[in-house]
């Protein structure tokens, strides 16, 4: 059961209320966006909640137990902070969302009604629809480690411990051809140095499918946001998660997080050689 402040409880008991909804989105890039269905902007907790942004939500369906609450947010692409380009580029994927009920006459009187993450986002014809997933959704995700030959750490994270400063480069786009780019400033790197790595343009990251020296970068798919000739990008070396690469390319075998000596299917399927009981090694009694 939610705990209401005494002031908010008293306001609700009046019968005539001045309530509205506020939504706060925390994006993966660190940005925090606020929206409200009130006709004027509101501010609390360091966030300004934009009014008349065309943002609304369906009725919340809740149930006991660990089943996932059902809710959708819909809106028009009328806010400058929610654009088709940003949705297409995936800026809102997995964003954390908070839904507050607020007394717009006194924003200190408020209660957090729901908290979760954005799921599937669709858009078109000047509007968008986003699925909101409750915290119980996290229980459907895989947790823990799997035994595998390859490393399961992300390059440069706390488990990998590689200092990425020594494995990055800065380049500029010179040619754009769908999912293929030519980039100046990377001619010193050998073939495949950036294969399976990433490029970052502004706040957006893309995965590299293949790197061909001296300057060709191929992406897994055509970018969903505009890339222009002259754009600066940060390129991070790629890792194929194999022990040999970890050793030769990064000098980091001590932190390798895979199991390269684990028996494989060939070992399991192997048939043990049967010894011949009549073979005494040439000995005679």
C-alpha atoms as a PDB file:
ATOM      1  CA  UNK A   1       0.000   0.000   0.000  1.00  0.00           C
ATOM      2  CA  UNK A   2       1.315   3.445  -0.887  1.00  0.00           C
ATOM      3  CA  UNK A   3       2.016   5.886   1.914  1.00  0.00           C
ATOM      4  CA  UNK A   4       0.568   9.350   1.325  1.00  0.00           C
ATOM      5  CA  UNK A   5       1.797  12.477   3.039  1.00  0.00           C
ATOM      6  CA  UNK A   6      -0.610  14.033   5.502  1.00  0.00           C
ATOM      7  CA  UNK A   7      -1.099  17.075   3.259  1.00  0.00           C
ATOM      8  CA  UNK A   8      -1.881  14.974   0.191  1.00  0.00           C
ATOM      9  CA  UNK A   9      -4.241  12.749   2.192  1.00  0.00           C
ATOM     10  CA  UNK A  10      -6.073  15.829   3.443  1.00  0.00           C
ATOM     11  CA  UNK A  11      -6.293  17.177  -0.107  1.00  0.00           C
ATOM     12  CA  UNK A  12      -7.826  13.920  -1.371  1.00  0.00           C
ATOM     13  CA  UNK A  13     -10.365  13.882   1.444  1.00  0.00           C
ATOM     14  CA  UNK A  14     -11.663  17.295   0.384  1.00  0.00           C
ATOM     15  CA  UNK A  15     -13.440  15.722  -2.558  1.00  0.00           C
ATOM     16  CA  UNK A  16     -12.550  18.547  -4.944  1.00  0.00           C
ATOM     17  CA  UNK A  17      -8.951  17.923  -6.032  1.00  0.00           C
ATOM     18  CA  UNK A  18      -6.380  19.579  -8.273  1.00  0.00           C
ATOM     19  CA  UNK A  19      -4.445  16.529  -9.406  1.00  0.00           C
ATOM     20  CA  UNK A  20      -2.492  15.731 -12.555  1.00  0.00           C
ATOM     21  CA  UNK A  21      -0.023  13.121 -13.775  1.00  0.00           C
ATOM     22  CA  UNK A  22       3.691  13.681 -14.322  1.00  0.00           C
ATOM     23  CA  UNK A  23       5.994  11.332 -16.199  1.00  0.00           C
ATOM     24  CA  UNK A  24       9.768  11.380 -15.821  1.00  0.00           C
ATOM     25  CA  UNK A  25      12.016   9.531 -18.272  1.00  0.00           C
ATOM     26  CA  UNK A  26      15.649   8.775 -17.420  1.00  0.00           C
ATOM     27  CA  UNK A  27      17.470   7.847 -20.633  1.00  0.00           C
ATOM     28  CA  UNK A  28      20.538   5.649 -20.951  1.00  0.00           C
ATOM     29  CA  UNK A  29      22.601   8.668 -22.018  1.00  0.00           C
ATOM     30  CA  UNK A  30      21.900  10.369 -18.678  1.00  0.00           C
ATOM     31  CA  UNK A  31      19.237  12.820 -19.877  1.00  0.00           C
ATOM     32  CA  UNK A  32      16.103  13.249 -17.747  1.00  0.00           C
ATOM     33  CA  UNK A  33      12.881  14.395 -19.418  1.00  0.00           C
ATOM     34  CA  UNK A  34       9.643  15.379 -17.724  1.00  0.00           C
ATOM     35  CA  UNK A  35       6.082  15.646 -19.098  1.00  0.00           C
ATOM     36  CA  UNK A  36       2.720  16.404 -17.527  1.00  0.00           C
ATOM     37  CA  UNK A  37      -0.916  16.365 -18.599  1.00  0.00           C
ATOM     38  CA  UNK A  38      -1.433  19.665 -16.734  1.00  0.00           C
ATOM     39  CA  UNK A  39      -1.767  22.799 -18.886  1.00  0.00           C
ATOM     40  CA  UNK A  40       1.260  24.486 -17.279  1.00  0.00           C
ATOM     41  CA  UNK A  41       4.797  23.256 -16.681  1.00  0.00           C
ATOM     42  CA  UNK A  42       5.606  21.932 -13.197  1.00  0.00           C
ATOM     43  CA  UNK A  43       8.974  21.514 -11.462  1.00  0.00           C
ATOM     44  CA  UNK A  44      10.095  19.238  -8.630  1.00  0.00           C
ATOM     45  CA  UNK A  45      13.115  17.074  -7.781  1.00  0.00           C
ATOM     46  CA  UNK A  46      15.233  19.098 -10.205  1.00  0.00           C
ATOM     47  CA  UNK A  47      13.076  18.171 -13.216  1.00  0.00           C
ATOM     48  CA  UNK A  48      10.815  20.465 -15.220  1.00  0.00           C
ATOM     49  CA  UNK A  49       7.728  18.628 -16.483  1.00  0.00           C
ATOM     50  CA  UNK A  50       6.736  19.995 -19.853  1.00  0.00           C
ATOM     51  CA  UNK A  51       3.054  20.811 -20.387  1.00  0.00           C
ATOM     52  CA  UNK A  52       1.005  20.195 -23.523  1.00  0.00           C
ATOM     53  CA  UNK A  53       3.543  17.708 -24.884  1.00  0.00           C
ATOM     54  CA  UNK A  54       0.859  15.331 -26.140  1.00  0.00           C
ATOM     55  CA  UNK A  55       1.917  12.701 -23.609  1.00  0.00           C
ATOM     56  CA  UNK A  56      -0.738  10.456 -22.038  1.00  0.00           C
ATOM     57  CA  UNK A  57      -1.103   6.951 -20.637  1.00  0.00           C
ATOM     58  CA  UNK A  58      -3.673   4.187 -20.718  1.00  0.00           C
ATOM     59  CA  UNK A  59      -5.357   2.833 -17.592  1.00  0.00           C
ATOM     60  CA  UNK A  60      -2.946   0.869 -15.411  1.00  0.00           C
ATOM     61  CA  UNK A  61      -3.831  -2.792 -14.938  1.00  0.00           C
ATOM     62  CA  UNK A  62      -2.300  -4.256 -11.772  1.00  0.00           C
ATOM     63  CA  UNK A  63      -2.555  -7.685 -10.195  1.00  0.00           C
ATOM     64  CA  UNK A  64      -1.305  -9.521  -7.145  1.00  0.00           C
ATOM     65  CA  UNK A  65       1.786 -11.669  -7.278  1.00  0.00           C
ATOM     66  CA  UNK A  66       4.676 -11.302  -9.736  1.00  0.00           C
ATOM     67  CA  UNK A  67       2.720 -10.784 -12.945  1.00  0.00           C
ATOM     68  CA  UNK A  68       3.716  -7.729 -14.943  1.00  0.00           C
ATOM     69  CA  UNK A  69       1.620  -4.576 -14.784  1.00  0.00           C
ATOM     70  CA  UNK A  70       0.182  -3.514 -18.134  1.00  0.00           C
ATOM     71  CA  UNK A  71       0.434   0.096 -19.288  1.00  0.00           C
ATOM     72  CA  UNK A  72       1.042   1.971 -22.517  1.00  0.00           C
ATOM     73  CA  UNK A  73       2.095   5.567 -23.024  1.00  0.00           C
ATOM     74  CA  UNK A  74       1.036   7.345 -26.180  1.00  0.00           C
ATOM     75  CA  UNK A  75       1.626  10.819 -27.477  1.00  0.00           C
ATOM     76  CA  UNK A  76       2.072  13.162 -30.354  1.00  0.00           C
ATOM     77  CA  UNK A  77       5.564  14.075 -31.508  1.00  0.00           C
ATOM     78  CA  UNK A  78       4.896  17.658 -30.471  1.00  0.00           C
ATOM     79  CA  UNK A  79       7.667  18.003 -27.893  1.00  0.00           C
ATOM     80  CA  UNK A  80      11.067  19.063 -29.214  1.00  0.00           C
ATOM     81  CA  UNK A  81      12.533  16.480 -26.818  1.00  0.00           C
ATOM     82  CA  UNK A  82      10.603  13.545 -28.317  1.00  0.00           C
ATOM     83  CA  UNK A  83      11.317  13.464 -32.031  1.00  0.00           C
ATOM     84  CA  UNK A  84      10.946  10.754 -34.636  1.00  0.00           C
ATOM     85  CA  UNK A  85      14.723  10.794 -35.154  1.00  0.00           C
ATOM     86  CA  UNK A  86      15.337  10.191 -31.427  1.00  0.00           C
ATOM     87  CA  UNK A  87      12.810   7.340 -31.306  1.00  0.00           C
ATOM     88  CA  UNK A  88      14.219   5.822 -34.486  1.00  0.00           C
ATOM     89  CA  UNK A  89      17.768   6.028 -33.158  1.00  0.00           C
ATOM     90  CA  UNK A  90      16.753   4.114 -30.022  1.00  0.00           C
ATOM     91  CA  UNK A  91      17.454   6.939 -27.579  1.00  0.00           C
ATOM     92  CA  UNK A  92      14.380   5.955 -25.531  1.00  0.00           C
ATOM     93  CA  UNK A  93      14.932   2.176 -25.549  1.00  0.00           C
ATOM     94  CA  UNK A  94      15.026   0.795 -22.004  1.00  0.00           C
ATOM     95  CA  UNK A  95      14.546   4.223 -20.424  1.00  0.00           C
ATOM     96  CA  UNK A  96      13.484   4.246 -16.772  1.00  0.00           C
ATOM     97  CA  UNK A  97      10.082   5.836 -16.242  1.00  0.00           C
ATOM     98  CA  UNK A  98       8.386   7.197 -13.137  1.00  0.00           C
ATOM     99  CA  UNK A  99       4.686   8.070 -13.012  1.00  0.00           C
ATOM    100  CA  UNK A 100       3.687  10.579 -10.336  1.00  0.00           C
ATOM    101  CA  UNK A 101       0.296  11.821  -9.207  1.00  0.00           C
ATOM    102  CA  UNK A 102       0.777  15.462  -8.221  1.00  0.00           C
ATOM    103  CA  UNK A 103      -1.271  18.282  -6.758  1.00  0.00           C
ATOM    104  CA  UNK A 104      -0.464  20.960  -9.308  1.00  0.00           C
ATOM    105  CA  UNK A 105      -1.268  23.731  -6.813  1.00  0.00           C
ATOM    106  CA  UNK A 106       1.390  22.392  -4.422  1.00  0.00           C
ATOM    107  CA  UNK A 107       3.839  19.964  -6.055  1.00  0.00           C
ATOM    108  CA  UNK A 108       5.193  18.909  -2.643  1.00  0.00           C
ATOM    109  CA  UNK A 109       1.943  16.929  -2.399  1.00  0.00           C
ATOM    110  CA  UNK A 110       2.694  14.020  -4.693  1.00  0.00           C
ATOM    111  CA  UNK A 111       2.982  10.230  -4.725  1.00  0.00           C
ATOM    112  CA  UNK A 112       4.969   7.889  -6.965  1.00  0.00           C
ATOM    113  CA  UNK A 113       2.393   5.563  -8.533  1.00  0.00           C
ATOM    114  CA  UNK A 114       4.506   3.418 -10.858  1.00  0.00           C
ATOM    115  CA  UNK A 115       8.133   2.857 -11.760  1.00  0.00           C
ATOM    116  CA  UNK A 116       9.494   0.698 -14.541  1.00  0.00           C
ATOM    117  CA  UNK A 117      11.145   0.756 -17.953  1.00  0.00           C
ATOM    118  CA  UNK A 118      10.084   1.457 -21.506  1.00  0.00           C
ATOM    119  CA  UNK A 119       9.720  -1.641 -23.626  1.00  0.00           C
ATOM    120  CA  UNK A 120       8.780  -1.731 -27.299  1.00  0.00           C
ATOM    121  CA  UNK A 121       8.421   1.709 -28.883  1.00  0.00           C
ATOM    122  CA  UNK A 122       6.544   2.231 -32.155  1.00  0.00           C
ATOM    123  CA  UNK A 123       5.884   5.450 -34.018  1.00  0.00           C
ATOM    124  CA  UNK A 124       4.470   6.860 -37.216  1.00  0.00           C
ATOM    125  CA  UNK A 125       2.331   9.647 -38.666  1.00  0.00           C
ATOM    126  CA  UNK A 126       3.398  12.156 -36.039  1.00  0.00           C
ATOM    127  CA  UNK A 127       2.627   9.981 -32.991  1.00  0.00           C
ATOM    128  CA  UNK A 128       4.289   7.299 -30.879  1.00  0.00           C
ATOM    129  CA  UNK A 129       3.295   4.432 -28.581  1.00  0.00           C
ATOM    130  CA  UNK A 130       5.518   2.964 -25.876  1.00  0.00           C
ATOM    131  CA  UNK A 131       5.019  -0.157 -23.765  1.00  0.00           C
ATOM    132  CA  UNK A 132       5.742   0.382 -20.061  1.00  0.00           C
ATOM    133  CA  UNK A 133       7.121  -2.613 -18.199  1.00  0.00           C
ATOM    134  CA  UNK A 134       6.875  -2.863 -14.424  1.00  0.00           C
ATOM    135  CA  UNK A 135       9.724  -3.793 -12.100  1.00  0.00           C
ATOM    136  CA  UNK A 136       8.541  -7.429 -12.080  1.00  0.00           C
ATOM    137  CA  UNK A 137       9.595  -7.606 -15.725  1.00  0.00           C
ATOM    138  CA  UNK A 138      13.207  -7.835 -14.524  1.00  0.00           C
ATOM    139  CA  UNK A 139      12.416 -11.253 -13.045  1.00  0.00           C
ATOM    140  CA  UNK A 140      11.861 -12.591 -16.581  1.00  0.00           C
ATOM    141  CA  UNK A 141      15.416 -11.690 -17.610  1.00  0.00           C
ATOM    142  CA  UNK A 142      18.328 -14.104 -17.485  1.00  0.00           C
ATOM    143  CA  UNK A 143      20.694 -13.576 -14.583  1.00  0.00           C
ATOM    144  CA  UNK A 144      24.018 -15.065 -13.666  1.00  0.00           C
ATOM    145  CA  UNK A 145      26.752 -16.537 -15.835  1.00  0.00           C
ATOM    146  CA  UNK A 146      26.861 -19.291 -18.439  1.00  0.00           C
ATOM    147  CA  UNK A 147      29.752 -21.685 -18.904  1.00  0.00           C
ATOM    148  CA  UNK A 148      31.101 -21.020 -22.405  1.00  0.00           C
ATOM    149  CA  UNK A 149      34.398 -20.924 -24.275  1.00  0.00           C
ATOM    150  CA  UNK A 150      34.105 -17.194 -24.948  1.00  0.00           C
ATOM    151  CA  UNK A 151      34.463 -14.365 -22.441  1.00  0.00           C
ATOM    152  CA  UNK A 152      31.183 -12.993 -21.079  1.00  0.00           C
ATOM    153  CA  UNK A 153      32.554  -9.629 -19.931  1.00  0.00           C
ATOM    154  CA  UNK A 154      32.094  -6.416 -21.890  1.00  0.00           C
ATOM    155  CA  UNK A 155      35.328  -4.918 -23.146  1.00  0.00           C
ATOM    156  CA  UNK A 156      36.525  -2.309 -20.659  1.00  0.00           C
ATOM    157  CA  UNK A 157      34.002  -3.059 -17.888  1.00  0.00           C
ATOM    158  CA  UNK A 158      34.844  -3.734 -14.235  1.00  0.00           C
ATOM    159  CA  UNK A 159      35.332  -7.455 -14.881  1.00  0.00           C
ATOM    160  CA  UNK A 160      37.408  -7.046 -18.042  1.00  0.00           C
ATOM    161  CA  UNK A 161      39.556  -4.204 -16.617  1.00  0.00           C
ATOM    162  CA  UNK A 162      41.036  -3.208 -19.995  1.00  0.00           C
ATOM    163  CA  UNK A 163      41.771   0.531 -20.124  1.00  0.00           C
ATOM    164  CA  UNK A 164      39.933   1.587 -23.280  1.00  0.00           C
ATOM    165  CA  UNK A 165      41.965   4.795 -23.549  1.00  0.00           C
ATOM    166  CA  UNK A 166      44.681   2.782 -25.242  1.00  0.00           C
ATOM    167  CA  UNK A 167      42.287   1.145 -27.699  1.00  0.00           C
ATOM    168  CA  UNK A 168      40.315   4.079 -29.069  1.00  0.00           C
ATOM    169  CA  UNK A 169      40.768   6.393 -32.019  1.00  0.00           C
ATOM    170  CA  UNK A 170      39.125   9.545 -33.315  1.00  0.00           C
ATOM    171  CA  UNK A 171      38.124   9.809 -36.967  1.00  0.00           C
ATOM    172  CA  UNK A 172      35.953  11.835 -39.308  1.00  0.00           C
ATOM    173  CA  UNK A 173      33.414  10.533 -41.808  1.00  0.00           C
ATOM    174  CA  UNK A 174      34.521  11.100 -45.403  1.00  0.00           C
ATOM    175  CA  UNK A 175      32.134   8.839 -47.375  1.00  0.00           C
ATOM    176  CA  UNK A 176      28.676   7.471 -46.484  1.00  0.00           C
ATOM    177  CA  UNK A 177      27.116   4.509 -48.331  1.00  0.00           C
ATOM    178  CA  UNK A 178      24.142   3.076 -46.409  1.00  0.00           C
ATOM    179  CA  UNK A 179      25.738   0.930 -43.676  1.00  0.00           C
ATOM    180  CA  UNK A 180      29.292   1.476 -44.946  1.00  0.00           C
ATOM    181  CA  UNK A 181      31.454   4.413 -43.965  1.00  0.00           C
ATOM    182  CA  UNK A 182      34.899   5.628 -44.884  1.00  0.00           C
ATOM    183  CA  UNK A 183      36.669   7.290 -41.977  1.00  0.00           C
ATOM    184  CA  UNK A 184      39.816   9.390 -41.972  1.00  0.00           C
ATOM    185  CA  UNK A 185      42.361   9.043 -39.178  1.00  0.00           C
ATOM    186  CA  UNK A 186      42.340   5.246 -38.780  1.00  0.00           C
ATOM    187  CA  UNK A 187      44.759   4.173 -41.530  1.00  0.00           C
ATOM    188  CA  UNK A 188      47.368   3.152 -38.942  1.00  0.00           C
ATOM    189  CA  UNK A 189      45.178   0.309 -37.666  1.00  0.00           C
ATOM    190  CA  UNK A 190      45.310  -3.201 -39.134  1.00  0.00           C
ATOM    191  CA  UNK A 191      42.397  -5.091 -40.693  1.00  0.00           C
ATOM    192  CA  UNK A 192      39.693  -6.112 -38.182  1.00  0.00           C
ATOM    193  CA  UNK A 193      41.059  -3.917 -35.379  1.00  0.00           C
ATOM    194  CA  UNK A 194      37.625  -2.331 -34.955  1.00  0.00           C
ATOM    195  CA  UNK A 195      35.589  -5.389 -36.043  1.00  0.00           C
ATOM    196  CA  UNK A 196      32.976  -6.126 -33.339  1.00  0.00           C
ATOM    197  CA  UNK A 197      33.831  -2.800 -31.757  1.00  0.00           C
ATOM    198  CA  UNK A 198      31.738   0.352 -31.534  1.00  0.00           C
ATOM    199  CA  UNK A 199      31.644   3.847 -32.941  1.00  0.00           C
ATOM    200  CA  UNK A 200      30.175   6.797 -31.106  1.00  0.00           C
ATOM    201  CA  UNK A 201      28.831   9.879 -32.851  1.00  0.00           C
ATOM    202  CA  UNK A 202      27.649  12.443 -30.345  1.00  0.00           C
ATOM    203  CA  UNK A 203      25.763  10.507 -27.653  1.00  0.00           C
ATOM    204  CA  UNK A 204      24.795   7.626 -29.960  1.00  0.00           C
ATOM    205  CA  UNK A 205      26.672   4.367 -30.334  1.00  0.00           C
ATOM    206  CA  UNK A 206      26.657   1.868 -33.195  1.00  0.00           C
ATOM    207  CA  UNK A 207      28.116  -1.634 -33.441  1.00  0.00           C
ATOM    208  CA  UNK A 208      30.789  -2.331 -36.045  1.00  0.00           C
ATOM    209  CA  UNK A 209      30.321  -5.426 -38.178  1.00  0.00           C
ATOM    210  CA  UNK A 210      33.620  -5.294 -40.058  1.00  0.00           C
ATOM    211  CA  UNK A 211      36.702  -3.088 -40.343  1.00  0.00           C
ATOM    212  CA  UNK A 212      38.787  -3.165 -43.485  1.00  0.00           C
ATOM    213  CA  UNK A 213      42.019  -1.207 -43.647  1.00  0.00           C
ATOM    214  CA  UNK A 214      42.819   1.489 -44.320  1.00  0.00           C
ATOM    215  CA  UNK A 215      39.551   3.337 -43.688  1.00  0.00           C
ATOM    216  CA  UNK A 216      36.429   1.188 -44.300  1.00  0.00           C
ATOM    217  CA  UNK A 217      33.912   0.653 -41.490  1.00  0.00           C
ATOM    218  CA  UNK A 218      30.844  -1.524 -42.092  1.00  0.00           C
ATOM    219  CA  UNK A 219      27.941  -1.416 -39.645  1.00  0.00           C
ATOM    220  CA  UNK A 220      25.461  -4.198 -38.901  1.00  0.00           C
ATOM    221  CA  UNK A 221      22.601  -2.083 -40.201  1.00  0.00           C
ATOM    222  CA  UNK A 222      21.991   1.297 -41.731  1.00  0.00           C
ATOM    223  CA  UNK A 223      21.983   3.957 -38.974  1.00  0.00           C
ATOM    224  CA  UNK A 224      18.540   5.190 -37.921  1.00  0.00           C
ATOM    225  CA  UNK A 225      19.812   8.729 -37.467  1.00  0.00           C
ATOM    226  CA  UNK A 226      21.533  11.116 -39.825  1.00  0.00           C
ATOM    227  CA  UNK A 227      25.309  10.832 -40.271  1.00  0.00           C
ATOM    228  CA  UNK A 228      26.964  13.573 -42.267  1.00  0.00           C
ATOM    229  CA  UNK A 229      30.317  13.891 -43.998  1.00  0.00           C
ATOM    230  CA  UNK A 230      32.710  15.533 -41.563  1.00  0.00           C
ATOM    231  CA  UNK A 231      31.055  14.131 -38.428  1.00  0.00           C
ATOM    232  CA  UNK A 232      33.563  13.241 -35.734  1.00  0.00           C
ATOM    233  CA  UNK A 233      33.406   9.768 -34.253  1.00  0.00           C
ATOM    234  CA  UNK A 234      35.107   7.843 -31.482  1.00  0.00           C
ATOM    235  CA  UNK A 235      36.049   4.291 -32.453  1.00  0.00           C
ATOM    236  CA  UNK A 236      36.660   1.563 -29.874  1.00  0.00           C
ATOM    237  CA  UNK A 237      38.542  -1.624 -30.747  1.00  0.00           C
ATOM    238  CA  UNK A 238      36.574  -4.839 -31.078  1.00  0.00           C
ATOM    239  CA  UNK A 239      36.934  -8.107 -29.201  1.00  0.00           C
ATOM    240  CA  UNK A 240      35.781 -11.536 -30.408  1.00  0.00           C
ATOM    241  CA  UNK A 241      35.764 -12.901 -26.816  1.00  0.00           C
ATOM    242  CA  UNK A 242      38.452 -15.519 -27.484  1.00  0.00           C
ATOM    243  CA  UNK A 243      41.414 -16.172 -25.194  1.00  0.00           C
ATOM    244  CA  UNK A 244      43.901 -15.809 -28.056  1.00  0.00           C
ATOM    245  CA  UNK A 245      42.590 -12.320 -28.833  1.00  0.00           C
ATOM    246  CA  UNK A 246      42.525 -11.342 -25.168  1.00  0.00           C
ATOM    247  CA  UNK A 247      46.171 -12.366 -24.907  1.00  0.00           C
ATOM    248  CA  UNK A 248      47.630 -11.061 -28.171  1.00  0.00           C
ATOM    249  CA  UNK A 249      45.555  -7.917 -28.731  1.00  0.00           C
ATOM    250  CA  UNK A 250      44.823  -6.693 -25.218  1.00  0.00           C
ATOM    251  CA  UNK A 251      47.434  -8.450 -23.041  1.00  0.00           C
ATOM    252  CA  UNK A 252      44.641  -9.258 -20.620  1.00  0.00           C
ATOM    253  CA  UNK A 253      44.561 -13.039 -20.311  1.00  0.00           C
ATOM    254  CA  UNK A 254      44.611 -12.849 -16.511  1.00  0.00           C
ATOM    255  CA  UNK A 255      41.138 -11.251 -16.604  1.00  0.00           C
ATOM    256  CA  UNK A 256      39.661 -13.520 -19.288  1.00  0.00           C
ATOM    257  CA  UNK A 257      36.127 -14.461 -18.193  1.00  0.00           C
ATOM    258  CA  UNK A 258      35.521 -17.505 -20.367  1.00  0.00           C
ATOM    259  CA  UNK A 259      36.261 -21.215 -19.971  1.00  0.00           C
ATOM    260  CA  UNK A 260      38.522 -22.083 -22.932  1.00  0.00           C
ATOM    261  CA  UNK A 261      39.562 -25.475 -21.522  1.00  0.00           C
ATOM    262  CA  UNK A 262      36.056 -26.717 -20.860  1.00  0.00           C
ATOM    263  CA  UNK A 263      35.375 -30.034 -22.689  1.00  0.00           C
ATOM    264  CA  UNK A 264      33.221 -29.532 -25.779  1.00  0.00           C
ATOM    265  CA  UNK A 265      30.725 -31.648 -27.707  1.00  0.00           C
ATOM    266  CA  UNK A 266      33.529 -33.632 -29.352  1.00  0.00           C
ATOM    267  CA  UNK A 267      34.662 -34.802 -25.905  1.00  0.00           C
ATOM    268  CA  UNK A 268      31.138 -35.748 -24.828  1.00  0.00           C
ATOM    269  CA  UNK A 269      30.481 -37.674 -28.047  1.00  0.00           C
ATOM    270  CA  UNK A 270      33.830 -39.459 -28.060  1.00  0.00           C
ATOM    271  CA  UNK A 271      33.708 -43.229 -27.592  1.00  0.00           C
ATOM    272  CA  UNK A 272      36.269 -44.680 -25.219  1.00  0.00           C
ATOM    273  CA  UNK A 273      38.587 -47.236 -26.810  1.00  0.00           C
ATOM    274  CA  UNK A 274      37.884 -50.722 -25.491  1.00  0.00           C
ATOM    275  CA  UNK A 275      40.919 -52.618 -24.243  1.00  0.00           C
ATOM    276  CA  UNK A 276      41.570 -56.159 -25.443  1.00  0.00           C
ATOM    277  CA  UNK A 277      41.624 -58.531 -22.459  1.00  0.00           C
ATOM    278  CA  UNK A 278      43.742 -60.966 -24.506  1.00  0.00           C
ATOM    279  CA  UNK A 279      46.401 -58.338 -25.097  1.00  0.00           C
ATOM    280  CA  UNK A 280      48.940 -58.733 -22.283  1.00  0.00           C
ATOM    281  CA  UNK A 281      51.469 -56.430 -23.827  1.00  0.00           C
ATOM    282  CA  UNK A 282      53.479 -59.287 -25.297  1.00  0.00           C
ATOM    283  CA  UNK A 283      54.127 -60.956 -21.951  1.00  0.00           C
ATOM    284  CA  UNK A 284      53.958 -64.714 -21.717  1.00  0.00           C
ATOM    285  CA  UNK A 285      53.696 -66.758 -18.574  1.00  0.00           C
END
